[in-house]
Amino acid sequence: MGSFGEHLRREREMRGITLEEIAAATKIGTRSLKALEDEDFKKLPGGIFNKGFVRAYAKFLGIDEEQAVADFVAASGDFDTIKSNIDPAQLLGQHEEVKKSSSKKAKDLQSIQTDSRSGFPWIAIFGLILLVAVAYGGRFGYVKYKAHEEAQAQAQRDAQARVEAEAAAARAASEAAAQAAAAQSVEQPAADVQSQQTPATPDSSGKASQQTAQPAAAEATNANLIPGGFTVSVRARQRTWISIISDGKRVISEELPPASEKVVQAHDRITLRTGNAGGMDLALNGKAMPSLGAEGEARTVTIGANGLIQ
C-alpha cells in the first residue's frame, strides 16, 4: 500500500474517527472507504465517483481536498476510468455466432440454388432476410449500449449533486454558528460596560454596599443565550482538528489554526471530538474549563449546561 491510503488512514485515526462514522455522514459505503485506504481500486465504481468519494472523505477529515484528489490520481494511475457492464468477451462471442450463422445460411442458400429447378429467386430472398437480421441485431445492441451509457451518466450526476448538497449544508451550518458567536461577542461587552457603570448605594448606617461587575456581566451573558441553553467556546493554542455536534446536529468539522476560536450554543448537550486535546482551551458560558488532556491526544467529551457529562 502506498502513501495515499496510509495518509488517509493516519489522518482518520489521529482524529479518533471510524469508517462507519464517515460512511454515515458522507453516504459512502464502508467497503469503498476501506478500498481507498487499502488502495484496492478495483473495488471502486470508477469514473467521477472515485474523485467524489476522495473529496467527501477529505472534507470530513478537514484536510486539503484538492491535494487528496491529486494523491489519489497519482496512486491509481490509469484505473480512474468509467467502467462498463458490457463484457467484451460476450460481444466477441456474439460476433462469432453471427459469423457462423451467416456462413451456414450462405451454404444453405448455395444448396437451394443448386437444387432449384423452378428458377425462383431464393438467393435474393435469403440475402434480404440475412440483411434484416444483421441490421436488427446491430440496432438492438446499439440501443442497449446507449441506454447503459445514459444510466451511468445519470448516476454520476446524482452522486455529484448529493456531494454538492452536503457541502452546502455544512457551509450553512458553519456560517450560522459564526453569526451566533459574533452576535454574542457584540452583546457581552455592552453588558460588561453597563455593569461597570452601576454606582454604589449607601445603606442605612452610611456605609456603601459595593456591587461587583463580574456577577452582573455573568447575568448579562446568560441573558444573551438561547432560552434554556448554554455556550461552549473553543480557542486553539496550536493547530487543532475538532468536530462538534450540538443537540444531535454536526455544526463544525474542521482544523483550527492557532489563535482561532469557535463558539457553539446548545439546549441539551454538546459532543466535542479533537485530535489534540492539549492544544486548545475550553470555556463554558465564559468560564474556563479544565484541560481535556495532553498535546496530540485524541479525546471525545460530552458537555452539558453544568459541565462535563461523565
Protein backbone atom coordinates (compact mmCIF):
# COMPACT_ATOMS: atom_id res chain seq x y z
CA MET A 1 0.00 0.00 0.00
CA GLY A 2 1.30 3.46 -0.97
CA SER A 3 1.39 6.79 0.73
CA PHE A 4 -2.14 7.82 -0.41
CA GLY A 5 -4.01 5.15 1.56
CA GLU A 6 -1.62 5.38 4.53
CA HIS A 7 -2.14 9.14 4.69
CA LEU A 8 -5.94 8.82 4.78
CA ARG A 9 -5.87 6.15 7.48
CA ARG A 10 -3.32 8.08 9.58
CA GLU A 11 -5.41 11.30 9.43
CA ARG A 12 -8.58 9.41 10.34
CA GLU A 13 -7.03 7.50 13.26
CA MET A 14 -5.36 10.68 14.56
CA ARG A 15 -8.83 12.18 14.89
CA GLY A 16 -10.30 9.07 16.50
CA ILE A 17 -12.89 8.59 13.70
CA THR A 18 -14.23 5.25 12.48
CA LEU A 19 -15.07 4.34 8.90
CA GLU A 20 -18.70 3.85 9.98
CA GLU A 21 -18.92 7.49 11.13
CA ILE A 22 -17.57 8.74 7.78
CA ALA A 23 -19.97 6.44 5.91
CA ALA A 24 -22.96 7.75 7.91
CA ALA A 25 -22.03 11.40 7.20
CA THR A 26 -20.99 11.07 3.53
CA LYS A 27 -23.41 8.28 2.44
CA ILE A 28 -20.41 6.35 1.04
CA GLY A 29 -20.23 2.64 1.85
CA THR A 30 -17.57 1.44 4.29
CA ARG A 31 -16.41 -1.04 1.62
CA SER A 32 -15.48 1.82 -0.71
CA LEU A 33 -13.86 3.85 2.12
CA LYS A 34 -11.75 0.86 3.13
CA ALA A 35 -10.84 0.29 -0.54
CA LEU A 36 -9.44 3.88 -0.64
CA GLU A 37 -7.31 3.29 2.46
CA ASP A 38 -6.14 -0.12 1.18
CA GLU A 39 -5.63 1.31 -2.35
CA ASP A 40 -7.74 -1.62 -3.61
CA PHE A 41 -9.08 0.49 -6.51
CA LYS A 42 -10.74 -2.40 -8.35
CA LYS A 43 -13.49 -2.36 -5.70
CA LEU A 44 -14.42 1.26 -6.54
CA PRO A 45 -17.18 2.16 -9.04
CA GLY A 46 -14.84 4.22 -11.24
CA GLY A 47 -15.27 7.49 -13.13
CA ILE A 48 -16.05 10.69 -11.24
CA PHE A 49 -17.43 8.59 -8.39
CA ASN A 50 -13.88 7.84 -7.20
CA LYS A 51 -12.83 11.51 -7.04
CA GLY A 52 -16.13 12.42 -5.41
CA PHE A 53 -15.50 9.80 -2.71
CA VAL A 54 -11.98 11.16 -2.11
CA ARG A 55 -13.27 14.76 -1.86
CA ALA A 56 -16.03 13.81 0.61
CA TYR A 57 -13.59 11.75 2.73
CA ALA A 58 -11.03 14.61 2.83
CA LYS A 59 -13.69 17.24 3.61
CA PHE A 60 -15.00 15.25 6.56
CA LEU A 61 -11.47 14.94 7.98
CA GLY A 62 -10.77 18.65 7.36
CA ILE A 63 -7.75 18.08 5.10
CA ASP A 64 -6.94 19.61 1.67
CA GLU A 65 -9.44 18.14 -0.82
CA GLU A 66 -7.52 19.04 -3.99
CA GLN A 67 -4.29 17.55 -2.65
CA ALA A 68 -6.14 14.37 -1.66
CA VAL A 69 -7.57 14.04 -5.20
CA ALA A 70 -4.13 14.65 -6.72
CA ASP A 71 -2.63 11.94 -4.47
CA PHE A 72 -5.41 9.57 -5.49
CA VAL A 73 -4.82 10.17 -9.21
CA ALA A 74 -1.09 9.55 -8.75
CA ALA A 75 -1.75 6.36 -6.79
CA SER A 76 -4.49 4.95 -9.05
CA GLY A 77 -2.74 5.60 -12.38
CA ASP A 78 -4.99 4.73 -15.36
CA PHE A 79 -7.60 2.93 -13.21
CA ASP A 80 -9.78 6.06 -12.82
CA THR A 81 -11.92 5.41 -15.90
CA ILE A 82 -15.64 4.82 -16.38
CA LYS A 83 -16.41 1.14 -16.04
CA SER A 84 -18.78 -0.61 -18.40
CA ASN A 85 -21.06 -3.52 -17.60
CA ILE A 86 -20.79 -4.79 -21.24
CA ASP A 87 -18.43 -7.78 -21.33
CA PRO A 88 -16.06 -7.56 -24.35
CA ALA A 89 -15.79 -11.37 -24.37
CA GLN A 90 -19.57 -11.59 -24.60
CA LEU A 91 -19.62 -9.17 -27.56
CA LEU A 92 -16.86 -11.17 -29.27
CA GLY A 93 -18.83 -14.40 -28.73
CA GLN A 94 -21.94 -12.82 -30.24
CA HIS A 95 -19.89 -11.69 -33.24
CA GLU A 96 -18.57 -15.24 -33.78
CA GLU A 97 -22.10 -16.64 -33.56
CA VAL A 98 -23.30 -14.15 -36.20
CA LYS A 99 -20.39 -15.18 -38.46
CA LYS A 100 -21.18 -18.89 -38.07
CA SER A 101 -24.86 -18.29 -38.67
CA SER A 102 -24.10 -16.23 -41.79
CA SER A 103 -21.77 -18.95 -43.10
CA LYS A 104 -24.39 -21.64 -42.54
CA LYS A 105 -27.06 -19.60 -44.30
CA ALA A 106 -24.76 -18.98 -47.24
CA LYS A 107 -24.19 -22.73 -47.61
CA ASP A 108 -27.90 -23.45 -47.38
CA LEU A 109 -28.54 -20.75 -49.98
CA GLN A 110 -25.96 -22.29 -52.33
CA SER A 111 -27.53 -25.71 -51.88
CA ILE A 112 -31.00 -24.35 -52.62
CA GLN A 113 -29.68 -22.57 -55.70
CA THR A 114 -28.09 -25.77 -56.97
CA ASP A 115 -31.15 -27.95 -56.35
CA SER A 116 -33.71 -25.44 -57.52
CA ARG A 117 -35.30 -26.11 -60.90
CA SER A 118 -38.08 -23.57 -60.82
CA GLY A 119 -35.78 -20.56 -61.18
CA PHE A 120 -37.33 -18.85 -58.08
CA PRO A 121 -35.00 -16.09 -56.71
CA TRP A 122 -34.06 -17.83 -53.45
CA ILE A 123 -30.73 -16.05 -53.32
CA ALA A 124 -32.29 -12.59 -53.20
CA ILE A 125 -34.86 -13.63 -50.59
CA PHE A 126 -32.35 -15.23 -48.24
CA GLY A 127 -29.96 -12.33 -48.75
CA LEU A 128 -32.69 -9.91 -47.75
CA ILE A 129 -33.56 -11.98 -44.67
CA LEU A 130 -29.90 -12.10 -43.63
CA LEU A 131 -29.53 -8.33 -44.12
CA VAL A 132 -32.63 -7.64 -42.00
CA ALA A 133 -31.40 -9.95 -39.23
CA VAL A 134 -27.96 -8.32 -39.10
CA ALA A 135 -29.45 -4.82 -39.13
CA TYR A 136 -31.91 -5.67 -36.33
CA GLY A 137 -29.18 -7.22 -34.19
CA GLY A 138 -26.91 -4.20 -34.65
CA ARG A 139 -29.71 -1.77 -33.83
CA PHE A 140 -30.66 -3.70 -30.70
CA GLY A 141 -27.07 -3.74 -29.46
CA TYR A 142 -26.65 -0.03 -30.12
CA VAL A 143 -29.86 0.90 -28.27
CA LYS A 144 -28.84 -1.25 -25.30
CA TYR A 145 -25.38 0.32 -25.21
CA LYS A 146 -26.78 3.90 -25.35
CA ALA A 147 -29.26 3.14 -22.55
CA HIS A 148 -26.43 1.81 -20.39
CA GLU A 149 -24.32 4.91 -21.05
CA GLU A 150 -27.22 7.23 -20.15
CA ALA A 151 -27.87 5.32 -16.90
CA GLN A 152 -24.21 5.67 -15.92
CA ALA A 153 -24.19 9.39 -16.71
CA GLN A 154 -27.36 9.98 -14.67
CA ALA A 155 -25.91 8.08 -11.70
CA GLN A 156 -22.78 10.23 -11.86
CA ARG A 157 -24.86 13.43 -11.97
CA ASP A 158 -26.92 12.28 -8.96
CA ALA A 159 -23.79 11.48 -6.95
CA GLN A 160 -22.22 14.86 -7.77
CA ALA A 161 -25.43 16.68 -6.80
CA ARG A 162 -25.55 14.81 -3.48
CA VAL A 163 -21.94 15.71 -2.65
CA GLU A 164 -22.56 19.39 -3.52
CA ALA A 165 -25.75 19.48 -1.40
CA GLU A 166 -23.94 18.05 1.63
CA ALA A 167 -21.13 20.59 1.20
CA ALA A 168 -23.65 23.45 1.01
CA ALA A 169 -25.40 22.23 4.17
CA ALA A 170 -22.09 22.07 6.04
CA ARG A 171 -21.19 25.62 4.94
CA ALA A 172 -24.60 26.92 6.02
CA ALA A 173 -24.26 25.33 9.46
CA SER A 174 -20.76 26.78 9.89
CA GLU A 175 -21.94 30.28 8.87
CA ALA A 176 -24.90 30.10 11.28
CA ALA A 177 -22.60 29.17 14.16
CA ALA A 178 -20.20 32.01 13.27
CA GLN A 179 -23.05 34.54 13.18
CA ALA A 180 -24.32 33.38 16.57
CA ALA A 181 -20.82 33.70 18.03
CA ALA A 182 -20.40 37.20 16.55
CA ALA A 183 -23.76 38.32 17.97
CA GLN A 184 -22.80 37.08 21.42
CA SER A 185 -19.38 38.76 21.32
CA VAL A 186 -21.05 42.10 20.47
CA GLU A 187 -23.71 41.88 23.18
CA GLN A 188 -21.42 40.76 26.01
CA PRO A 189 -19.12 43.86 26.01
CA ALA A 190 -22.24 46.06 26.22
CA ALA A 191 -23.38 44.11 29.28
CA ASP A 192 -19.90 44.50 30.86
CA VAL A 193 -20.00 48.29 30.36
CA GLN A 194 -23.44 48.50 31.94
CA SER A 195 -22.35 46.52 35.00
CA GLN A 196 -19.23 48.67 35.46
CA GLN A 197 -21.34 51.86 35.41
CA THR A 198 -23.68 50.67 38.22
CA PRO A 199 -22.99 53.05 41.18
CA ALA A 200 -22.59 52.01 44.83
CA THR A 201 -25.56 52.89 47.08
CA PRO A 202 -25.19 53.69 50.78
CA ASP A 203 -27.07 51.62 53.37
CA SER A 204 -28.89 52.90 56.49
CA SER A 205 -25.67 53.07 58.57
CA GLY A 206 -23.91 55.31 55.97
CA LYS A 207 -21.69 52.54 54.55
CA ALA A 208 -21.66 51.87 50.79
CA SER A 209 -22.73 48.38 49.67
CA GLN A 210 -20.45 47.57 46.73
CA GLN A 211 -21.77 45.76 43.65
CA THR A 212 -19.15 43.82 41.69
CA ALA A 213 -19.08 43.92 37.88
CA GLN A 214 -18.45 40.22 37.33
CA PRO A 215 -21.83 38.83 38.60
CA ALA A 216 -23.66 41.45 36.52
CA ALA A 217 -21.60 40.51 33.46
CA ALA A 218 -22.35 36.81 34.04
CA GLU A 219 -26.07 37.55 34.25
CA ALA A 220 -25.89 39.58 31.01
CA THR A 221 -24.07 36.70 29.29
CA ASN A 222 -26.72 34.23 30.41
CA ALA A 223 -29.42 36.61 29.23
CA ASN A 224 -27.92 36.54 25.73
CA LEU A 225 -28.19 32.76 25.49
CA ILE A 226 -30.97 30.96 23.68
CA PRO A 227 -33.73 30.11 26.21
CA GLY A 228 -32.58 27.29 28.47
CA GLY A 229 -29.30 26.97 26.54
CA PHE A 230 -25.57 27.35 27.14
CA THR A 231 -22.43 28.12 25.11
CA VAL A 232 -19.07 26.42 24.74
CA SER A 233 -16.13 28.31 23.24
CA VAL A 234 -13.04 26.58 21.82
CA ARG A 235 -9.81 28.58 21.42
CA ALA A 236 -6.89 26.90 19.66
CA ARG A 237 -3.39 27.44 21.05
CA GLN A 238 -1.95 25.02 18.48
CA ARG A 239 -3.20 23.66 15.17
CA THR A 240 -6.09 21.51 16.28
CA TRP A 241 -8.74 19.44 14.49
CA ILE A 242 -12.22 19.50 16.10
CA SER A 243 -15.65 18.07 15.37
CA ILE A 244 -18.67 19.45 17.31
CA ILE A 245 -22.22 18.06 17.44
CA SER A 246 -24.80 20.38 19.05
CA ASP A 247 -28.08 18.74 20.16
CA GLY A 248 -27.53 15.89 17.70
CA LYS A 249 -26.56 18.10 14.72
CA ARG A 250 -22.98 18.40 13.45
CA VAL A 251 -22.09 22.11 13.23
CA ILE A 252 -18.27 22.08 12.96
CA SER A 253 -15.76 19.64 11.44
CA GLU A 254 -12.51 21.38 10.56
CA GLU A 255 -8.90 22.13 11.53
CA LEU A 256 -8.41 25.30 13.59
CA PRO A 257 -5.22 27.36 13.14
CA PRO A 258 -3.51 28.76 16.25
CA ALA A 259 -5.28 31.72 17.97
CA SER A 260 -8.61 30.95 16.22
CA GLU A 261 -11.82 30.50 18.19
CA LYS A 262 -15.22 28.81 17.68
CA VAL A 263 -18.37 29.34 19.80
CA VAL A 264 -21.31 26.89 19.80
CA GLN A 265 -24.69 27.06 21.56
CA ALA A 266 -26.95 24.17 22.61
CA HIS A 267 -30.07 23.41 24.63
CA ASP A 268 -29.22 19.89 25.82
CA ARG A 269 -25.60 18.83 25.18
CA ILE A 270 -22.54 19.31 23.02
CA THR A 271 -20.31 16.45 21.90
CA LEU A 272 -16.74 17.59 21.10
CA ARG A 273 -14.07 15.45 19.44
CA THR A 274 -10.47 16.61 18.98
CA GLY A 275 -7.20 15.19 17.77
CA ASN A 276 -5.08 17.49 20.02
CA ALA A 277 -6.66 17.75 23.48
CA GLY A 278 -3.77 19.72 24.94
CA GLY A 279 -3.64 22.26 22.12
CA MET A 280 -6.83 24.17 22.96
CA ASP A 281 -8.73 25.90 25.79
CA LEU A 282 -12.44 25.41 26.57
CA ALA A 283 -14.88 27.78 28.29
CA LEU A 284 -18.46 27.07 29.41
CA ASN A 285 -20.63 30.21 29.42
CA GLY A 286 -17.46 32.31 29.58
CA LYS A 287 -15.83 30.32 32.44
CA ALA A 288 -12.65 28.38 31.76
CA MET A 289 -12.90 24.57 31.85
CA PRO A 290 -10.14 22.09 32.83
CA SER A 291 -7.83 20.83 30.08
CA LEU A 292 -9.10 17.74 28.26
CA GLY A 293 -5.70 16.02 28.03
CA ALA A 294 -2.15 16.14 26.70
CA GLU A 295 -0.87 17.56 23.41
CA GLY A 296 -1.55 15.25 20.47
CA GLU A 297 -4.07 13.21 22.47
CA ALA A 298 -7.40 12.35 20.78
CA ARG A 299 -10.41 12.89 23.08
CA THR A 300 -14.20 12.82 22.81
CA VAL A 301 -16.23 14.52 25.57
CA THR A 302 -19.87 15.46 26.17
CA ILE A 303 -20.65 18.85 27.78
CA GLY A 304 -23.93 19.92 29.38
CA ALA A 305 -25.10 23.15 30.94
CA ASN A 306 -23.30 22.27 34.21
CA GLY A 307 -20.02 20.98 32.72
CA LEU A 308 -18.64 17.64 31.54
CA ILE A 309 -21.09 14.73 31.46
CA GLN A 310 -19.45 11.56 32.66
